[in-house]
Protein backbone atom coordinates (compact mmCIF):
# COMPACT_ATOMS: atom_id res chain seq x y z
CA UNK A 1 -91.33 11.30 -92.12
CA UNK A 2 -91.38 9.94 -88.60
CA UNK A 3 -92.42 6.38 -88.02
CA UNK A 4 -94.12 7.46 -84.73
CA UNK A 5 -97.81 7.71 -84.90
CA UNK A 6 -99.78 10.18 -82.75
CA UNK A 7 -101.41 8.60 -79.75
CA UNK A 8 -104.79 9.88 -78.85
CA UNK A 9 -104.26 9.13 -75.09
CA UNK A 10 -100.98 11.01 -74.82
CA UNK A 11 -101.32 14.33 -72.88
CA UNK A 12 -100.69 17.52 -74.70
CA UNK A 13 -97.96 19.99 -73.82
CA UNK A 14 -100.44 22.42 -72.36
CA UNK A 15 -101.80 19.64 -70.06
CA UNK A 16 -98.32 18.77 -68.85
CA UNK A 17 -97.55 22.42 -67.95
CA UNK A 18 -100.80 22.81 -66.05
CA UNK A 19 -100.19 19.67 -64.17
CA UNK A 20 -96.67 20.79 -63.15
CA UNK A 21 -98.00 24.15 -62.01
CA UNK A 22 -100.57 22.52 -59.97
CA UNK A 23 -98.11 20.10 -58.34
CA UNK A 24 -95.34 22.62 -57.46
CA UNK A 25 -97.58 25.71 -56.95
CA UNK A 26 -95.15 28.05 -58.57
CA UNK A 27 -95.92 31.65 -57.51
CA UNK A 28 -96.19 34.16 -60.23
CA UNK A 29 -93.06 36.20 -61.01
CA UNK A 30 -90.91 34.08 -58.68
CA UNK A 31 -88.19 31.58 -59.40
CA UNK A 32 -88.33 29.99 -55.94
CA UNK A 33 -90.72 27.24 -55.11
CA UNK A 34 -93.34 28.16 -52.53
CA UNK A 35 -94.64 25.71 -49.94
CA UNK A 36 -92.10 22.97 -50.81
CA UNK A 37 -90.82 21.24 -47.72
CA UNK A 38 -88.56 18.26 -48.31
CA UNK A 39 -88.92 15.50 -45.70
CA UNK A 40 -85.50 14.22 -44.33
CA UNK A 41 -86.96 12.40 -41.40
CA UNK A 42 -84.84 12.53 -38.23
CA UNK A 43 -81.42 12.63 -39.99
CA UNK A 44 -80.45 16.19 -38.80
CA UNK A 45 -82.16 16.21 -35.38
CA UNK A 46 -78.78 16.13 -33.46
CA UNK A 47 -77.15 19.11 -35.20
CA UNK A 48 -79.34 21.84 -33.88
CA UNK A 49 -79.91 25.06 -35.72
CA UNK A 50 -77.28 26.10 -38.16
CA UNK A 51 -75.61 29.46 -37.65
CA UNK A 52 -73.68 31.18 -40.34
CA UNK A 53 -70.00 31.74 -39.28
CA UNK A 54 -69.01 35.30 -38.66
CA UNK A 55 -66.05 36.48 -40.71
CA UNK A 56 -62.90 37.13 -38.67
CA UNK A 57 -61.16 40.49 -39.01
CA UNK A 58 -57.89 40.46 -40.82
CA UNK A 59 -54.99 41.66 -38.58
CA UNK A 60 -52.28 43.37 -40.40
CA UNK A 61 -48.82 43.94 -38.78
CA UNK A 62 -47.52 47.36 -39.15
CA UNK A 63 -43.73 47.44 -39.44
CA UNK A 64 -42.05 50.12 -37.53
CA UNK A 65 -39.32 51.91 -39.28
CA UNK A 66 -35.81 50.61 -38.12
CA UNK A 67 -33.80 53.13 -36.19
CA UNK A 68 -30.50 51.32 -36.83
CA UNK A 69 -29.04 51.29 -40.16
CA UNK A 70 -27.46 48.01 -41.37
CA UNK A 71 -23.78 48.44 -41.70
CA UNK A 72 -21.94 46.25 -44.16
CA UNK A 73 -18.64 45.00 -42.59
CA UNK A 74 -15.99 44.44 -45.16
CA UNK A 75 -15.01 40.76 -45.58
CA UNK A 76 -11.37 41.72 -45.29
CA UNK A 77 -11.93 43.09 -41.84
CA UNK A 78 -13.78 39.89 -40.75
CA UNK A 79 -10.89 37.81 -42.02
CA UNK A 80 -8.37 39.93 -40.13
CA UNK A 81 -10.25 39.68 -36.83
CA UNK A 82 -10.61 35.87 -37.31
CA UNK A 83 -6.89 35.56 -38.09
CA UNK A 84 -6.08 37.61 -34.97
CA UNK A 85 -8.23 35.40 -32.77
CA UNK A 86 -6.62 32.25 -34.21
CA UNK A 87 -3.14 33.69 -33.52
CA UNK A 88 -4.10 34.65 -29.88
CA UNK A 89 -5.64 31.27 -29.18
CA UNK A 90 -2.66 29.53 -30.73
CA UNK A 91 -0.14 31.54 -28.64
CA UNK A 92 -2.03 30.77 -25.49
CA UNK A 93 -2.29 27.08 -26.30
CA UNK A 94 1.42 27.04 -27.21
CA UNK A 95 2.29 28.71 -23.89
CA UNK A 96 0.18 26.33 -21.87
CA UNK A 97 1.48 23.36 -23.84
CA UNK A 98 5.08 24.49 -23.22
CA UNK A 99 4.48 24.71 -19.48
CA UNK A 100 2.93 21.25 -19.31
CA UNK A 101 5.67 19.76 -21.49
CA UNK A 102 8.32 21.46 -19.39
CA UNK A 103 6.93 19.90 -16.25
CA UNK A 104 6.52 16.42 -17.75
CA UNK A 105 9.95 16.42 -19.31
CA UNK A 106 11.86 18.34 -16.61
CA UNK A 107 13.35 20.62 -19.25
CA UNK A 108 14.11 23.67 -17.03
CA UNK A 109 14.41 22.14 -13.56
CA UNK A 110 17.88 22.20 -11.99
CA UNK A 111 20.05 19.10 -11.97
CA UNK A 112 19.93 18.97 -8.17
CA UNK A 113 19.75 15.78 -6.06
CA UNK A 114 17.03 15.52 -3.35
CA UNK A 115 15.77 12.82 -1.02
CA UNK A 116 12.19 11.56 -1.08
CA UNK A 117 10.86 9.31 1.66
CA UNK A 118 7.89 7.12 0.87
CA UNK A 119 6.14 5.42 3.80
CA UNK A 120 4.13 2.26 3.80
CA UNK A 121 0.74 4.16 3.86
CA UNK A 122 1.57 6.66 1.17
CA UNK A 123 -0.85 6.95 -1.77
CA UNK A 124 -0.47 8.47 -5.23
CA UNK A 125 -1.87 11.72 -3.85
CA UNK A 126 0.53 11.91 -0.88
CA UNK A 127 3.53 10.85 -3.01
CA UNK A 128 2.68 13.51 -5.60
CA UNK A 129 2.30 16.16 -2.89
CA UNK A 130 5.80 15.23 -1.60
CA UNK A 131 7.25 15.52 -5.07
CA UNK A 132 5.61 18.92 -5.58
CA UNK A 133 6.88 20.15 -2.20
CA UNK A 134 10.43 18.99 -3.16
CA UNK A 135 10.22 20.82 -6.49
CA UNK A 136 10.22 17.70 -8.67
CA UNK A 137 6.61 18.21 -9.93
CA UNK A 138 4.70 21.44 -10.60
CA UNK A 139 1.31 20.27 -11.80
CA UNK A 140 0.08 17.52 -9.48
CA UNK A 141 -2.89 16.70 -11.64
CA UNK A 142 -0.73 16.09 -14.69
CA UNK A 143 1.64 13.81 -12.81
CA UNK A 144 -1.24 11.74 -11.35
CA UNK A 145 -2.87 11.54 -14.80
CA UNK A 146 0.44 10.24 -16.23
CA UNK A 147 0.71 7.59 -13.50
CA UNK A 148 -2.90 6.50 -14.03
CA UNK A 149 -2.52 6.32 -17.80
CA UNK A 150 0.57 4.13 -17.37
CA UNK A 151 -1.33 2.18 -14.64
CA UNK A 152 1.50 2.77 -12.11
CA UNK A 153 -0.36 4.67 -9.44
CA UNK A 154 0.33 1.82 -6.95
CA UNK A 155 3.84 0.98 -7.90
CA UNK A 156 5.66 3.10 -5.38
CA UNK A 157 7.66 1.20 -2.69
CA UNK A 158 8.41 2.37 0.78
CA UNK A 159 11.96 3.74 1.22
CA UNK A 160 14.20 6.72 1.06
CA UNK A 161 15.18 7.50 -2.51
CA UNK A 162 17.77 9.83 -3.92
CA UNK A 163 16.49 11.47 -7.10
CA UNK A 164 17.21 14.56 -9.22
CA UNK A 165 14.79 17.43 -9.85
CA UNK A 166 15.67 17.25 -13.57
CA UNK A 167 14.06 13.81 -13.86
CA UNK A 168 11.01 13.59 -16.15
CA UNK A 169 7.82 11.87 -15.15
CA UNK A 170 8.99 8.57 -16.55
CA UNK A 171 12.20 8.64 -14.62
CA UNK A 172 10.43 9.74 -11.40
CA UNK A 173 8.06 6.82 -11.50
CA UNK A 174 10.72 4.32 -12.32
CA UNK A 175 13.15 5.61 -9.71
CA UNK A 176 10.63 5.45 -6.85
CA UNK A 177 10.47 1.65 -6.97
CA UNK A 178 12.53 -0.77 -4.98
CA UNK A 179 13.58 -2.63 -8.15
CA UNK A 180 15.13 0.52 -9.55
CA UNK A 181 18.19 0.18 -7.31
CA UNK A 182 17.95 3.86 -6.45
CA UNK A 183 16.91 3.50 -2.86
CA UNK A 184 19.12 5.03 -0.20
CA UNK A 185 20.86 2.54 2.05
CA UNK A 186 22.72 2.50 5.29
CA UNK A 187 25.43 0.07 6.50
CA UNK A 188 25.00 -1.22 10.05
CA UNK A 189 26.85 -3.76 12.05
CA UNK A 190 24.80 -6.04 14.31
CA UNK A 191 27.13 -7.18 17.00
CA UNK A 192 27.33 -10.81 18.32
CA UNK A 193 25.33 -11.16 21.55
CA UNK A 194 22.78 -8.40 20.88
CA UNK A 195 19.24 -9.49 21.65
CA UNK A 196 16.23 -8.98 19.43
CA UNK A 197 15.17 -5.66 21.01
CA UNK A 198 18.67 -4.16 20.88
CA UNK A 199 18.73 -5.01 17.14
CA UNK A 200 15.27 -3.56 16.54
CA UNK A 201 16.26 -0.36 18.37
CA UNK A 202 19.35 -0.02 16.27
CA UNK A 203 17.33 -0.43 13.11
CA UNK A 204 14.74 2.11 14.18
CA UNK A 205 17.37 4.61 15.34
CA UNK A 206 18.98 4.54 11.90
CA UNK A 207 15.75 4.88 9.89
CA UNK A 208 15.56 1.34 8.56
CA UNK A 209 12.19 0.36 10.16
CA UNK A 210 10.28 1.10 13.33
CA UNK A 211 10.69 -1.18 16.32
CA UNK A 212 6.95 -1.69 16.56
CA UNK A 213 6.68 -2.98 12.95
CA UNK A 214 9.68 -5.22 13.41
CA UNK A 215 8.22 -6.72 16.63
CA UNK A 216 4.96 -7.37 14.91
CA UNK A 217 6.55 -9.07 11.93
CA UNK A 218 8.79 -11.17 14.19
CA UNK A 219 5.76 -12.29 16.21
CA UNK A 220 3.30 -12.96 13.33
CA UNK A 221 4.95 -13.04 9.86
CA UNK A 222 5.39 -16.54 8.40
CA UNK A 223 9.01 -16.77 7.18
CA UNK A 224 9.53 -19.81 5.05
CA UNK A 225 12.38 -21.63 6.70
CA UNK A 226 12.41 -25.16 8.03
CA UNK A 227 14.30 -24.21 11.19
CA UNK A 228 11.38 -21.92 12.18
CA UNK A 229 8.51 -24.44 11.60
CA UNK A 230 8.16 -25.45 15.27
CA UNK A 231 8.44 -21.99 16.76
CA UNK A 232 5.11 -20.76 18.08
CA UNK A 233 3.73 -17.42 16.86
CA UNK A 234 2.67 -14.51 19.02
CA UNK A 235 5.79 -13.27 20.94
CA UNK A 236 7.96 -10.43 19.66
CA UNK A 237 11.15 -12.31 20.60
CA UNK A 238 10.08 -15.38 18.71
CA UNK A 239 13.13 -15.16 16.37
CA UNK A 240 15.64 -14.57 19.15
CA UNK A 241 18.80 -16.54 18.33
CA UNK A 242 18.16 -16.55 14.54
CA UNK A 243 18.95 -12.92 13.76
CA UNK A 244 22.43 -13.50 12.58
CA UNK A 245 25.00 -10.90 13.71
CA UNK A 246 26.91 -9.42 10.80
CA UNK A 247 27.42 -6.23 8.87
CA UNK A 248 24.51 -5.40 6.60
CA UNK A 249 23.47 -2.80 4.09
CA UNK A 250 19.80 -1.97 4.72
CA UNK A 251 17.35 0.10 2.76
CA UNK A 252 15.98 3.10 4.62
CA UNK A 253 12.25 2.92 5.32
CA UNK A 254 12.05 -0.75 4.33
CA UNK A 255 9.33 -3.27 5.07
CA UNK A 256 9.87 -5.19 8.35
CA UNK A 257 9.61 -8.61 6.77
CA UNK A 258 12.30 -7.57 4.20
CA UNK A 259 14.65 -6.39 7.00
CA UNK A 260 14.19 -9.51 9.21
CA UNK A 261 14.27 -11.69 6.12
CA UNK A 262 17.76 -10.53 5.38
CA UNK A 263 19.01 -11.59 8.80
CA UNK A 264 17.32 -14.98 8.51
CA UNK A 265 18.69 -15.56 5.01
CA UNK A 266 22.19 -14.82 6.36
CA UNK A 267 21.64 -17.25 9.25
CA UNK A 268 20.53 -19.94 6.85
CA UNK A 269 23.57 -19.29 4.54
CA UNK A 270 26.22 -19.07 7.23
CA UNK A 271 25.46 -22.48 8.78
CA UNK A 272 27.18 -24.84 6.41
CA UNK A 273 26.32 -28.48 5.78
CA UNK A 274 28.87 -29.65 8.31
CA UNK A 275 27.30 -27.51 10.98
CA UNK A 276 23.84 -28.77 10.14
CA UNK A 277 24.93 -32.43 10.15
CA UNK A 278 26.56 -32.03 13.53
CA UNK A 279 23.40 -30.48 14.95
CA UNK A 280 21.36 -33.34 13.40
CA UNK A 281 23.64 -35.94 15.00
CA UNK A 282 23.61 -34.29 18.44
CA UNK A 283 21.15 -35.04 21.23
CA UNK A 284 19.76 -31.49 20.92
CA UNK A 285 17.56 -29.68 18.46
CA UNK A 286 18.78 -26.70 16.60
CA UNK A 287 16.72 -24.49 18.87
CA UNK A 288 18.36 -26.00 21.99
CA UNK A 289 21.76 -25.56 20.42
CA UNK A 290 20.99 -21.93 19.79
CA UNK A 291 19.81 -21.54 23.40
CA UNK A 292 23.14 -22.81 24.69
CA UNK A 293 25.11 -20.83 22.06
CA UNK A 294 23.32 -17.64 23.14
CA UNK A 295 24.32 -18.23 26.80
CA UNK A 296 27.92 -18.89 25.70
CA UNK A 297 27.80 -15.62 23.66
CA UNK A 298 26.44 -13.59 26.64
CA UNK A 299 28.89 -15.10 29.14
CA UNK A 300 32.14 -15.23 27.15
CA UNK A 301 34.63 -12.41 27.28
CA UNK A 302 37.09 -13.98 24.83
CA UNK A 303 36.95 -16.56 22.05
CA UNK A 304 39.06 -19.15 23.95
CA UNK A 305 36.52 -19.20 26.78
CA UNK A 306 33.52 -20.28 24.63
CA UNK A 307 34.28 -24.00 24.51
CA UNK A 308 34.92 -24.10 28.24
CA UNK A 309 31.65 -22.36 29.03
CA UNK A 310 29.91 -24.89 26.76
CA UNK A 311 31.61 -27.61 28.73
CA UNK A 312 30.26 -26.19 32.06
CA UNK A 313 26.78 -26.26 30.63
CA UNK A 314 26.93 -29.79 29.37
CA UNK A 315 28.44 -30.95 32.71
CA UNK A 316 25.58 -29.31 34.64
CA UNK A 317 22.88 -30.51 32.32
CA UNK A 318 24.04 -34.15 32.07
CA UNK A 319 25.95 -34.94 35.23
CA UNK A 320 24.20 -33.21 38.03
CA UNK A 321 21.25 -34.74 39.92
CA UNK A 322 19.58 -31.32 39.92
CA UNK A 323 20.71 -29.85 36.61
CA UNK A 324 20.44 -26.09 37.34
CA UNK A 325 22.49 -24.04 34.91
CA UNK A 326 22.63 -21.06 37.27
CA UNK A 327 23.56 -18.51 34.66
CA UNK A 328 23.28 -14.89 35.50
CA UNK A 329 22.80 -13.87 31.86
CA UNK A 330 19.53 -15.86 31.51
CA UNK A 331 18.13 -14.24 34.63
CA UNK A 332 19.02 -10.80 33.39
CA UNK A 333 17.21 -11.47 30.08
CA UNK A 334 14.05 -12.66 31.91
CA UNK A 335 14.06 -9.61 34.14
CA UNK A 336 14.46 -7.39 31.05
CA UNK A 337 11.36 -8.97 29.47
CA UNK A 338 9.33 -8.41 32.59
CA UNK A 339 10.65 -4.90 33.26
CA UNK A 340 12.10 -5.87 36.56
CA UNK A 341 15.54 -5.72 38.16
CA UNK A 342 18.00 -8.59 38.43
CA UNK A 343 17.45 -11.11 41.15
CA UNK A 344 18.05 -14.81 41.30
CA UNK A 345 14.56 -15.09 42.85
CA UNK A 346 12.90 -13.85 39.66
CA UNK A 347 9.86 -15.93 38.72
CA UNK A 348 10.63 -16.37 35.01
CA UNK A 349 11.11 -19.31 32.64
CA UNK A 350 14.51 -17.77 31.99
CA UNK A 351 15.66 -18.06 35.61
CA UNK A 352 18.12 -20.94 35.45
CA UNK A 353 18.69 -20.64 39.22
CA UNK A 354 15.13 -21.54 39.87
CA UNK A 355 14.13 -23.87 36.95
CA UNK A 356 16.23 -26.79 35.81
CA UNK A 357 17.38 -27.42 32.33
CA UNK A 358 17.57 -24.94 29.49
CA UNK A 359 15.66 -21.60 29.65
CA UNK A 360 12.58 -21.04 27.52
CA UNK A 361 14.52 -19.73 24.52
CA UNK A 362 17.74 -18.03 23.34
CA UNK A 363 18.73 -14.87 25.22
CA UNK A 364 20.57 -13.20 22.36
CA UNK A 365 21.76 -13.81 18.85
CA UNK A 366 24.97 -15.77 18.81
CA UNK A 367 27.74 -15.82 16.22
CA UNK A 368 29.26 -18.82 14.52
CA UNK A 369 32.03 -19.10 17.13
CA UNK A 370 29.55 -19.65 19.94
CA UNK A 371 27.42 -22.03 17.88
CA UNK A 372 30.47 -24.11 16.98
CA UNK A 373 31.74 -24.03 20.58
CA UNK A 374 28.44 -25.72 21.64
CA UNK A 375 28.94 -28.29 18.87
CA UNK A 376 32.55 -28.77 19.93
CA UNK A 377 32.86 -28.19 23.72
CA UNK A 378 36.04 -28.87 25.62
CA UNK A 379 36.13 -32.01 27.62
CA UNK A 380 36.49 -30.73 31.21
CA UNK A 381 35.30 -31.33 34.74
CA UNK A 382 34.38 -27.67 35.22
CA UNK A 383 31.05 -26.95 36.89
CA UNK A 384 31.70 -23.28 37.84
CA UNK A 385 33.16 -20.15 36.44
CA UNK A 386 33.25 -16.45 37.43
CA UNK A 387 34.68 -13.25 36.05
CA UNK A 388 37.88 -11.74 37.53
CA UNK A 389 39.02 -8.21 37.70
CA UNK A 390 41.29 -9.08 34.78
CA UNK A 391 38.24 -9.40 32.57
CA UNK A 392 38.66 -13.11 32.11
CA UNK A 393 36.48 -15.94 33.17
CA UNK A 394 38.02 -18.30 35.72
CA UNK A 395 36.89 -21.99 35.86
CA UNK A 396 36.53 -24.32 38.79
CA UNK A 397 35.68 -27.92 39.37
CA UNK A 398 34.39 -27.65 42.91
CA UNK A 399 32.02 -25.38 44.72
CA UNK A 400 34.65 -24.70 47.36
CA UNK A 401 37.11 -23.34 44.81
CA UNK A 402 34.40 -21.21 43.31
CA UNK A 403 33.32 -19.74 46.67
CA UNK A 404 36.96 -18.99 47.57
CA UNK A 405 37.43 -17.15 44.34
CA UNK A 406 34.25 -14.93 44.59
CA UNK A 407 35.12 -14.02 48.16
CA UNK A 408 38.63 -12.82 47.09
CA UNK A 409 39.61 -9.50 45.72
CA UNK A 410 40.19 -11.10 42.29
CA UNK A 411 36.45 -11.44 41.69
CA UNK A 412 34.55 -8.85 39.58
CA UNK A 413 30.93 -8.68 40.46
CA UNK A 414 29.30 -8.08 37.12
CA UNK A 415 26.25 -9.40 35.34
CA UNK A 416 27.06 -10.85 31.91
CA UNK A 417 24.82 -9.71 29.18
CA UNK A 418 23.83 -6.46 30.96
C-alpha cells in the first residue's frame, strides 16, 4: 500500500489533458501543431530565406571500346633488345674512348720530328692550334682540358722547339718549356768592333729576337750589374761597349732580356780581378775606359797597333792645350745615329773633331785586347796616325810628318769603322 495520500487540490488526469489541448490547440486528426510559432528574436535575420539545394545530376563516363589490342611482349625479347642496346652503346663508348686515348697518348702518331715556334704573345689556344696544324694534337679541346687540369696553360715559353709527333700530352707540355732543354739553338759569332745595331741585326736575321725588342730592352730593362748603375735609361745604344764580342749559342725566339743578359754576363765574367783593379786605380771610370777601347777597336787593323793607338789618345787628351781626339771612327758613328753622311763638320756629341775630350759613349763593343791596350798603352810621343795602302796604321809625332804621309801615294783614304 502506498504511503502517498490523495490530495484533494491535485488536478485530475482529465483536467490535465483538457488544459494541454487548450494550450497547444491541437487540431483533430492531425499530429502537427497548429498556430505554434516559436519566437527566435532577430537571430536569423541575416540569413535570408532558406532554399532547398537542388540535387546535381550524376555524370557517368561511358568507356569506348579499345580498338588496339594489348600485346604481351615476351620478357626474353625485352632482355635481348636491352642487351643489344648495351652492347651498341658500349662499342660506341669504347671507340670514342680509344680515339681520345690514342690522341692523349700518341699511340698511332708517327715518330717524326717537327719544329714548333712559340712567340711571346701566344696563348694556350694559339699554341694548341699550332700543335694541331703540325699533327701533334687531334682534339684541341682535350689537350686544353689536360693543360688546365694540370694547371699548365701558362707554362709555355717563347722559342723554337724540336719535338716528335709521337709525344703524348705530358711530353708535349714538358717539352715546350725553356727548362726542358729541348729548345732549338743557333751558334753565332759576334765580332769585335761590331756596334749595338749590327749585333741586333745579326740576332734578328738568325731568328734569335727582333731588333725592335732588343732595342727596347737595351733602353729600358734594368739589368742588375754594378757597372751599369750610372748609365741613364732611354736610348737604344745605352749598352754600347758592354755587349761582349764572342761566340754564343742562342735560343731561337728568345726573350730580349735573356739574349742581352747573356752578353752582359760574359762581359762581367771575362774581365778578371786584375783588369777591374787596374780600372779602379786609373784616372778614368770603366765607362771612359770602354769609350777609349771602342775607338782602339774601330781604328786598329792589327793587334800590335792597339797599344800605340791608345798612346795617341792619351797624348792628345792629356798633353794638348786643346785636346781634340780627331778620330774618324767616332764621327762615322755619330753620323750613323743621325742618318747622315760622314763629315768632320757633323754636329754630334760623337764628333771628336769638333768637341774636345771623349765622345758621349762607346762607338762599338771592344774585345779584351783593346780594353787591355787602353789599360797598358805604349809610352810614345805619337799624336797622329793614318792608314796606308799596306793596310797598316802609320804613326807620327808631328803634324808635318802626318801631312806629308797623307799627301803621298802611300796613304789609303778610308774611314775606320765604316
